[in-house]
N, C-alpha and C. Protein backbone atom coordinates (compact mmCIF):
# COMPACT_ATOMS: atom_id res chain seq x y z
N MET A 1 242.56 80.42 80.85
CA MET A 1 241.64 81.15 80.00
C MET A 1 241.42 82.55 80.58
N LYS A 2 241.56 83.56 79.75
CA LYS A 2 241.35 84.95 80.18
C LYS A 2 239.87 85.19 80.42
N ARG A 3 239.59 85.93 81.50
CA ARG A 3 238.20 86.26 81.85
C ARG A 3 238.00 87.76 81.71
N ILE A 4 236.96 88.12 80.99
CA ILE A 4 236.66 89.53 80.76
C ILE A 4 235.27 89.83 81.30
N LEU A 5 235.21 90.85 82.15
CA LEU A 5 233.94 91.34 82.67
C LEU A 5 233.38 92.33 81.67
N VAL A 6 232.16 92.08 81.21
CA VAL A 6 231.50 92.96 80.26
C VAL A 6 230.29 93.59 80.97
N VAL A 7 230.32 94.90 81.09
CA VAL A 7 229.22 95.65 81.70
C VAL A 7 228.52 96.37 80.55
N GLU A 8 227.39 95.83 80.13
CA GLU A 8 226.70 96.32 78.93
C GLU A 8 225.20 96.05 79.09
N ASP A 9 224.37 97.07 78.89
CA ASP A 9 222.94 96.91 79.09
C ASP A 9 222.15 96.62 77.82
N THR A 10 222.77 96.63 76.67
CA THR A 10 222.08 96.33 75.43
C THR A 10 222.28 94.85 75.08
N LYS A 11 221.16 94.12 75.02
CA LYS A 11 221.22 92.67 74.80
C LYS A 11 221.94 92.29 73.51
N ALA A 12 221.69 93.03 72.44
CA ALA A 12 222.33 92.70 71.17
C ALA A 12 223.85 92.85 71.26
N ASN A 13 224.32 93.89 71.92
CA ASN A 13 225.76 94.09 72.08
C ASN A 13 226.36 93.00 72.96
N MET A 14 225.66 92.64 74.04
CA MET A 14 226.15 91.59 74.94
C MET A 14 226.26 90.27 74.19
N TYR A 15 225.25 89.96 73.39
CA TYR A 15 225.26 88.73 72.62
C TYR A 15 226.43 88.70 71.64
N LEU A 16 226.62 89.80 70.91
CA LEU A 16 227.69 89.88 69.92
C LEU A 16 229.06 89.75 70.58
N ILE A 17 229.28 90.47 71.68
CA ILE A 17 230.57 90.39 72.39
C ILE A 17 230.79 88.97 72.90
N GLY A 18 229.74 88.38 73.48
CA GLY A 18 229.85 87.01 74.00
C GLY A 18 230.19 86.01 72.92
N PHE A 19 229.55 86.13 71.77
CA PHE A 19 229.81 85.23 70.65
C PHE A 19 231.27 85.32 70.21
N VAL A 20 231.75 86.55 70.03
CA VAL A 20 233.13 86.75 69.57
C VAL A 20 234.12 86.24 70.60
N MET A 21 233.86 86.49 71.89
CA MET A 21 234.78 86.03 72.93
C MET A 21 234.86 84.51 72.99
N LYS A 22 233.72 83.85 72.92
CA LYS A 22 233.71 82.38 72.96
C LYS A 22 234.46 81.80 71.77
N GLU A 23 234.26 82.41 70.61
CA GLU A 23 234.96 81.96 69.40
C GLU A 23 236.47 82.10 69.53
N ASN A 24 236.92 83.03 70.36
CA ASN A 24 238.35 83.29 70.53
C ASN A 24 238.91 82.73 71.82
N GLY A 25 238.13 81.91 72.54
CA GLY A 25 238.63 81.22 73.71
C GLY A 25 238.66 82.03 74.99
N TYR A 26 237.86 83.07 75.08
CA TYR A 26 237.79 83.89 76.29
C TYR A 26 236.56 83.52 77.10
N ASP A 27 236.65 83.66 78.41
CA ASP A 27 235.52 83.46 79.30
C ASP A 27 234.94 84.83 79.63
N MET A 28 233.62 84.96 79.59
CA MET A 28 232.99 86.25 79.79
C MET A 28 232.12 86.22 81.05
N ILE A 29 232.29 87.26 81.86
CA ILE A 29 231.42 87.51 83.01
C ILE A 29 230.56 88.68 82.58
N GLU A 30 229.25 88.58 82.70
CA GLU A 30 228.42 89.65 82.19
C GLU A 30 227.46 90.22 83.22
N THR A 31 227.23 91.51 83.08
CA THR A 31 226.25 92.21 83.89
C THR A 31 225.73 93.40 83.11
N THR A 32 224.57 93.92 83.57
CA THR A 32 223.92 95.00 82.83
C THR A 32 223.90 96.32 83.58
N THR A 33 224.45 96.37 84.80
CA THR A 33 224.43 97.62 85.56
C THR A 33 225.81 97.97 86.09
N GLY A 34 226.03 99.25 86.31
CA GLY A 34 227.29 99.72 86.87
C GLY A 34 227.52 99.20 88.28
N GLU A 35 226.46 99.17 89.08
CA GLU A 35 226.60 98.70 90.46
C GLU A 35 227.08 97.25 90.49
N GLU A 36 226.45 96.39 89.67
CA GLU A 36 226.87 94.99 89.61
C GLU A 36 228.27 94.86 89.01
N GLY A 37 228.61 95.74 88.09
CA GLY A 37 229.95 95.72 87.51
C GLY A 37 231.01 95.95 88.56
N VAL A 38 230.76 96.90 89.47
CA VAL A 38 231.71 97.17 90.55
C VAL A 38 231.82 95.95 91.45
N GLU A 39 230.68 95.38 91.84
CA GLU A 39 230.68 94.19 92.71
C GLU A 39 231.43 93.03 92.08
N LEU A 40 231.16 92.77 90.80
CA LEU A 40 231.81 91.64 90.12
C LEU A 40 233.30 91.89 89.90
N ALA A 41 233.69 93.12 89.68
CA ALA A 41 235.12 93.43 89.53
C ALA A 41 235.87 93.06 90.80
N VAL A 42 235.28 93.40 91.95
CA VAL A 42 235.92 93.10 93.24
C VAL A 42 235.89 91.60 93.51
N LYS A 43 234.77 90.98 93.26
CA LYS A 43 234.60 89.54 93.56
C LYS A 43 235.39 88.64 92.61
N GLU A 44 235.32 88.93 91.32
CA GLU A 44 235.88 88.02 90.31
C GLU A 44 237.30 88.36 89.87
N MET A 45 237.75 89.60 90.07
CA MET A 45 239.08 90.04 89.64
C MET A 45 239.39 89.58 88.21
N PRO A 46 238.61 90.07 87.24
CA PRO A 46 238.81 89.64 85.85
C PRO A 46 240.13 90.15 85.28
N ASP A 47 240.49 89.61 84.13
CA ASP A 47 241.72 90.04 83.45
C ASP A 47 241.53 91.38 82.75
N MET A 48 240.27 91.72 82.45
CA MET A 48 239.95 92.98 81.78
C MET A 48 238.48 93.29 82.00
N ILE A 49 238.13 94.57 81.85
CA ILE A 49 236.73 95.00 81.95
C ILE A 49 236.39 95.83 80.72
N LEU A 50 235.27 95.49 80.07
CA LEU A 50 234.69 96.33 79.03
C LEU A 50 233.52 97.04 79.68
N MET A 51 233.58 98.35 79.74
CA MET A 51 232.61 99.14 80.50
C MET A 51 231.80 100.04 79.57
N ASP A 52 230.52 99.72 79.42
CA ASP A 52 229.62 100.62 78.71
C ASP A 52 229.53 101.91 79.52
N ILE A 53 229.41 103.03 78.87
CA ILE A 53 229.34 104.30 79.58
C ILE A 53 227.91 104.65 79.96
N GLN A 54 226.97 104.43 79.07
CA GLN A 54 225.58 104.78 79.35
C GLN A 54 224.86 103.55 79.90
N LEU A 55 224.68 103.52 81.23
CA LEU A 55 224.08 102.38 81.93
C LEU A 55 222.95 102.87 82.83
N PRO A 56 222.02 101.96 83.16
CA PRO A 56 221.02 102.33 84.17
C PRO A 56 221.68 102.42 85.55
N GLY A 57 221.14 103.23 86.43
CA GLY A 57 221.77 103.42 87.75
C GLY A 57 223.00 104.27 87.58
N ILE A 58 224.10 103.84 88.20
CA ILE A 58 225.34 104.60 88.01
C ILE A 58 225.88 104.33 86.61
N ASP A 59 226.43 105.35 85.99
CA ASP A 59 226.95 105.17 84.64
C ASP A 59 228.34 104.53 84.67
N GLY A 60 228.86 104.25 83.50
CA GLY A 60 230.16 103.59 83.41
C GLY A 60 231.31 104.42 83.93
N ILE A 61 231.19 105.74 83.85
CA ILE A 61 232.23 106.62 84.38
C ILE A 61 232.32 106.46 85.90
N GLU A 62 231.17 106.52 86.56
CA GLU A 62 231.15 106.37 88.02
C GLU A 62 231.54 104.96 88.44
N ALA A 63 231.08 103.95 87.69
CA ALA A 63 231.46 102.57 88.01
C ALA A 63 232.97 102.39 87.90
N THR A 64 233.58 102.99 86.88
CA THR A 64 235.03 102.91 86.72
C THR A 64 235.74 103.58 87.89
N ARG A 65 235.27 104.75 88.29
CA ARG A 65 235.86 105.43 89.45
C ARG A 65 235.81 104.55 90.68
N ARG A 66 234.65 103.92 90.90
CA ARG A 66 234.49 103.06 92.09
C ARG A 66 235.40 101.84 92.04
N ILE A 67 235.57 101.27 90.85
CA ILE A 67 236.48 100.12 90.71
C ILE A 67 237.90 100.57 91.01
N ARG A 68 238.29 101.72 90.50
CA ARG A 68 239.65 102.22 90.73
C ARG A 68 239.90 102.54 92.20
N GLU A 69 238.86 102.87 92.94
CA GLU A 69 239.00 103.16 94.37
C GLU A 69 238.88 101.91 95.24
N SER A 70 238.51 100.78 94.65
CA SER A 70 238.30 99.54 95.40
C SER A 70 239.56 98.69 95.44
N LYS A 71 239.47 97.57 96.14
CA LYS A 71 240.61 96.66 96.18
C LYS A 71 240.79 95.90 94.87
N ALA A 72 239.84 96.04 93.94
CA ALA A 72 239.95 95.39 92.63
C ALA A 72 240.82 96.17 91.67
N ASP A 73 241.16 97.40 92.02
CA ASP A 73 241.87 98.27 91.08
C ASP A 73 243.06 97.58 90.45
N GLY A 74 244.07 97.29 91.21
CA GLY A 74 245.25 96.60 90.70
C GLY A 74 245.65 97.05 89.32
N GLU A 75 245.88 96.11 88.47
CA GLU A 75 246.30 96.39 87.11
C GLU A 75 245.23 96.01 86.10
N ILE A 76 243.97 95.89 86.53
CA ILE A 76 242.91 95.48 85.61
C ILE A 76 242.68 96.56 84.56
N PRO A 77 242.92 96.25 83.29
CA PRO A 77 242.63 97.24 82.27
C PRO A 77 241.12 97.40 82.09
N ILE A 78 240.67 98.63 81.94
CA ILE A 78 239.26 98.93 81.70
C ILE A 78 239.17 99.71 80.39
N ALA A 79 238.36 99.21 79.47
CA ALA A 79 238.12 99.91 78.21
C ALA A 79 236.69 100.40 78.20
N ALA A 80 236.52 101.69 77.98
CA ALA A 80 235.18 102.25 77.82
C ALA A 80 234.61 101.72 76.51
N LEU A 81 233.37 101.30 76.56
CA LEU A 81 232.68 100.77 75.39
C LEU A 81 231.47 101.66 75.18
N THR A 82 231.51 102.51 74.15
CA THR A 82 230.47 103.52 74.08
C THR A 82 230.19 104.01 72.67
N SER A 83 228.98 104.48 72.50
CA SER A 83 228.62 105.12 71.24
C SER A 83 228.80 106.63 71.34
N PHE A 84 229.14 107.13 72.54
CA PHE A 84 229.42 108.55 72.69
C PHE A 84 230.70 108.88 71.94
N ALA A 85 230.61 109.84 71.06
CA ALA A 85 231.80 110.21 70.30
C ALA A 85 231.95 111.73 70.25
N MET A 86 231.43 112.38 71.26
CA MET A 86 231.50 113.83 71.31
C MET A 86 232.87 114.26 71.83
N THR A 87 233.23 115.48 71.52
CA THR A 87 234.48 116.04 72.00
C THR A 87 234.50 115.98 73.53
N GLY A 88 235.55 115.45 74.08
CA GLY A 88 235.71 115.38 75.52
C GLY A 88 235.27 114.06 76.14
N ASP A 89 234.49 113.25 75.42
CA ASP A 89 234.03 111.98 75.99
C ASP A 89 235.19 111.02 76.25
N ARG A 90 236.10 110.94 75.30
CA ARG A 90 237.27 110.07 75.48
C ARG A 90 238.08 110.52 76.69
N GLU A 91 238.30 111.81 76.80
CA GLU A 91 239.08 112.36 77.91
C GLU A 91 238.38 112.09 79.25
N GLN A 92 237.06 112.21 79.27
CA GLN A 92 236.31 111.96 80.49
C GLN A 92 236.46 110.50 80.93
N ALA A 93 236.38 109.57 79.98
CA ALA A 93 236.55 108.15 80.30
C ALA A 93 237.96 107.86 80.81
N LEU A 94 238.96 108.43 80.16
CA LEU A 94 240.34 108.21 80.58
C LEU A 94 240.60 108.83 81.95
N LYS A 95 240.04 110.00 82.20
CA LYS A 95 240.21 110.66 83.50
C LYS A 95 239.58 109.84 84.63
N ALA A 96 238.48 109.14 84.34
CA ALA A 96 237.82 108.32 85.35
C ALA A 96 238.62 107.05 85.68
N GLY A 97 239.56 106.68 84.81
CA GLY A 97 240.39 105.50 85.07
C GLY A 97 240.37 104.46 83.97
N CYS A 98 239.68 104.73 82.87
CA CYS A 98 239.72 103.80 81.75
C CYS A 98 241.09 103.86 81.09
N ASN A 99 241.53 102.72 80.60
CA ASN A 99 242.81 102.64 79.90
C ASN A 99 242.66 102.87 78.41
N GLY A 100 241.45 102.78 77.92
CA GLY A 100 241.20 102.95 76.50
C GLY A 100 239.74 103.13 76.22
N TYR A 101 239.42 103.18 74.94
CA TYR A 101 238.11 103.61 74.49
C TYR A 101 237.78 102.83 73.23
N ILE A 102 236.72 102.04 73.25
CA ILE A 102 236.27 101.29 72.07
C ILE A 102 234.91 101.84 71.67
N GLU A 103 234.80 102.31 70.44
CA GLU A 103 233.56 102.92 69.99
C GLU A 103 232.59 101.90 69.44
N LYS A 104 231.29 102.15 69.69
CA LYS A 104 230.22 101.38 69.09
C LYS A 104 229.82 102.08 67.80
N PRO A 105 229.26 101.42 66.84
CA PRO A 105 228.82 100.03 66.91
C PRO A 105 230.00 99.07 66.91
N ILE A 106 229.80 97.96 67.57
CA ILE A 106 230.85 96.95 67.71
C ILE A 106 231.05 96.25 66.38
N ASP A 107 232.29 96.16 65.97
CA ASP A 107 232.63 95.46 64.74
C ASP A 107 233.20 94.09 65.13
N PRO A 108 232.46 93.01 64.85
CA PRO A 108 232.93 91.69 65.26
C PRO A 108 234.27 91.28 64.64
N LYS A 109 234.65 91.93 63.55
CA LYS A 109 235.91 91.60 62.88
C LYS A 109 237.11 92.25 63.58
N THR A 110 236.88 93.33 64.33
CA THR A 110 238.00 94.04 64.94
C THR A 110 237.96 94.10 66.46
N ILE A 111 236.86 93.72 67.08
CA ILE A 111 236.73 93.88 68.54
C ILE A 111 237.80 93.09 69.29
N MET A 112 238.13 91.88 68.84
CA MET A 112 239.13 91.09 69.57
C MET A 112 240.52 91.72 69.47
N SER A 113 240.86 92.28 68.34
CA SER A 113 242.18 92.91 68.25
C SER A 113 242.24 94.13 69.15
N GLU A 114 241.11 94.84 69.30
CA GLU A 114 241.09 95.98 70.21
C GLU A 114 241.21 95.52 71.65
N ILE A 115 240.50 94.45 72.00
CA ILE A 115 240.57 93.91 73.37
C ILE A 115 241.98 93.41 73.68
N GLU A 116 242.58 92.71 72.74
CA GLU A 116 243.90 92.12 72.97
C GLU A 116 245.00 93.17 73.16
N LYS A 117 244.77 94.39 72.71
CA LYS A 117 245.73 95.47 72.97
C LYS A 117 245.88 95.73 74.48
N PHE A 118 244.83 95.46 75.25
CA PHE A 118 244.84 95.73 76.68
C PHE A 118 245.34 94.54 77.50
N LEU A 119 245.38 93.37 76.90
CA LEU A 119 245.78 92.17 77.62
C LEU A 119 247.23 91.84 77.36
């Protein structure tokens, strides 16, 4: 079973992502802060990471940088999960080490196909 680390501080988004993942046979590791996301990436070595960009404490950009600099880096795909859609935001996420960019609001009908592109 594929395990996906979801770093997301909005309860409604976490619930929706969790529901869709369980329906599709994925195991989800969840946290609400960038610091815990970095720790769990190293400890759990998930198959993929969904990284919210706007988080309490360190943001998703910094958390991604730290994961890429850690022993967890490897080939773990990281997708930025964000409502930021300003010019340059996508480039900033990719420069930090994200492999892709999934925009909010989350669409439960398409989120799994977007995730599966990275796996």
